[in-house]
Structure formats: structure tokens, C-alpha cells
Protein backbone atom coordinates (compact mmCIF):
# COMPACT_ATOMS: atom_id res chain seq x y z
CA MET A 1 45.91 66.39 -34.20
CA GLU A 2 48.23 64.51 -31.76
CA ASN A 3 49.43 67.66 -30.23
CA LEU A 4 45.34 68.19 -28.95
CA PRO A 5 44.06 67.43 -25.19
CA GLN A 6 42.91 64.14 -24.76
CA ASP A 7 40.58 65.33 -22.02
CA PRO A 8 37.39 66.17 -23.60
CA PHE A 9 37.10 69.42 -21.04
CA MET A 10 40.71 71.15 -21.63
CA LEU A 11 40.02 69.98 -25.57
CA MET A 12 37.24 72.38 -25.40
CA SER A 13 38.90 75.32 -23.22
CA PHE A 14 41.73 74.73 -26.40
CA ILE A 15 39.46 74.80 -28.68
CA ASN A 16 37.19 77.71 -27.11
CA MET A 17 39.75 80.00 -26.54
CA LYS A 18 41.57 79.17 -30.08
CA LEU A 19 38.33 80.40 -31.42
CA ARG A 20 37.91 83.59 -29.01
CA ASP A 21 41.22 84.75 -29.57
CA GLU A 22 42.31 83.91 -33.27
CA TYR A 23 39.54 82.28 -35.78
CA ALA A 24 36.39 83.74 -36.80
CA SER A 25 34.81 80.41 -37.42
CA LEU A 26 34.77 76.21 -36.33
CA ASP A 27 35.86 75.75 -40.13
CA GLU A 28 39.01 78.30 -40.25
CA LEU A 29 40.28 77.11 -36.95
CA CYS A 30 40.09 73.62 -38.37
CA ALA A 31 41.76 73.98 -41.64
CA SER A 32 44.30 76.19 -40.07
CA LEU A 33 44.91 73.61 -37.15
CA ASP A 34 44.32 70.50 -39.75
CA ILE A 35 41.87 69.73 -37.52
CA ASP A 36 39.17 67.01 -38.78
CA ARG A 37 35.67 69.17 -37.92
CA GLU A 38 33.57 65.68 -37.78
CA TRP A 39 36.03 64.02 -35.71
CA LEU A 40 35.91 67.59 -33.12
CA VAL A 41 32.65 67.98 -33.12
CA GLU A 42 31.62 64.04 -32.80
CA ARG A 43 34.53 63.93 -30.27
CA LEU A 44 33.24 66.91 -27.91
CA ALA A 45 29.39 65.79 -28.48
CA GLN A 46 30.91 62.28 -26.48
CA ALA A 47 31.07 64.45 -23.74
CA GLY A 48 28.25 66.44 -24.03
CA MET A 49 29.09 69.45 -25.84
CA GLU A 50 28.02 70.89 -28.61
CA TYR A 51 28.79 73.75 -30.64
CA SER A 52 27.17 77.28 -31.54
CA GLU A 53 27.88 78.79 -34.90
CA GLU A 54 26.28 82.12 -33.51
CA ASN A 55 28.41 82.16 -30.45
CA ASN A 56 31.40 80.66 -31.83
CA LYS A 57 32.11 78.22 -28.79
CA PHE A 58 31.67 74.85 -28.23
CA TRP A 59 29.21 74.38 -24.76
């Protein structure tokens, strides 16, 4: 997880790009990249973003 962008907006952009291009779900992305899902959701929630399963992206 240390290779992830530290800025929450850059992190959201990176995660959304991966979700759009490579992964069908947040769970799949987190498992593949060894990211703690709860940490990621909380980190982005602190910046006012939430995950939409229906759209498979953060906003």
C-alpha cells in the first residue's frame, strides 16, 4: 500500500482508473493489489468520497 498515491484525490483517480480498466469490483482490486478494503474506503471517505458498487467507482 506504500506505493499508492498519498493525496486522496490522486488516490481516487488511480483507484477509479484501475476499476474502470482492470477490475470488475472493489473487492477484486483490493485482493489483487493487496490493499485493505476498509482502509481504502475510510481513507477516501475522510475526503468526502464514497464507493458506488452500481457504478464501480468512487465519487
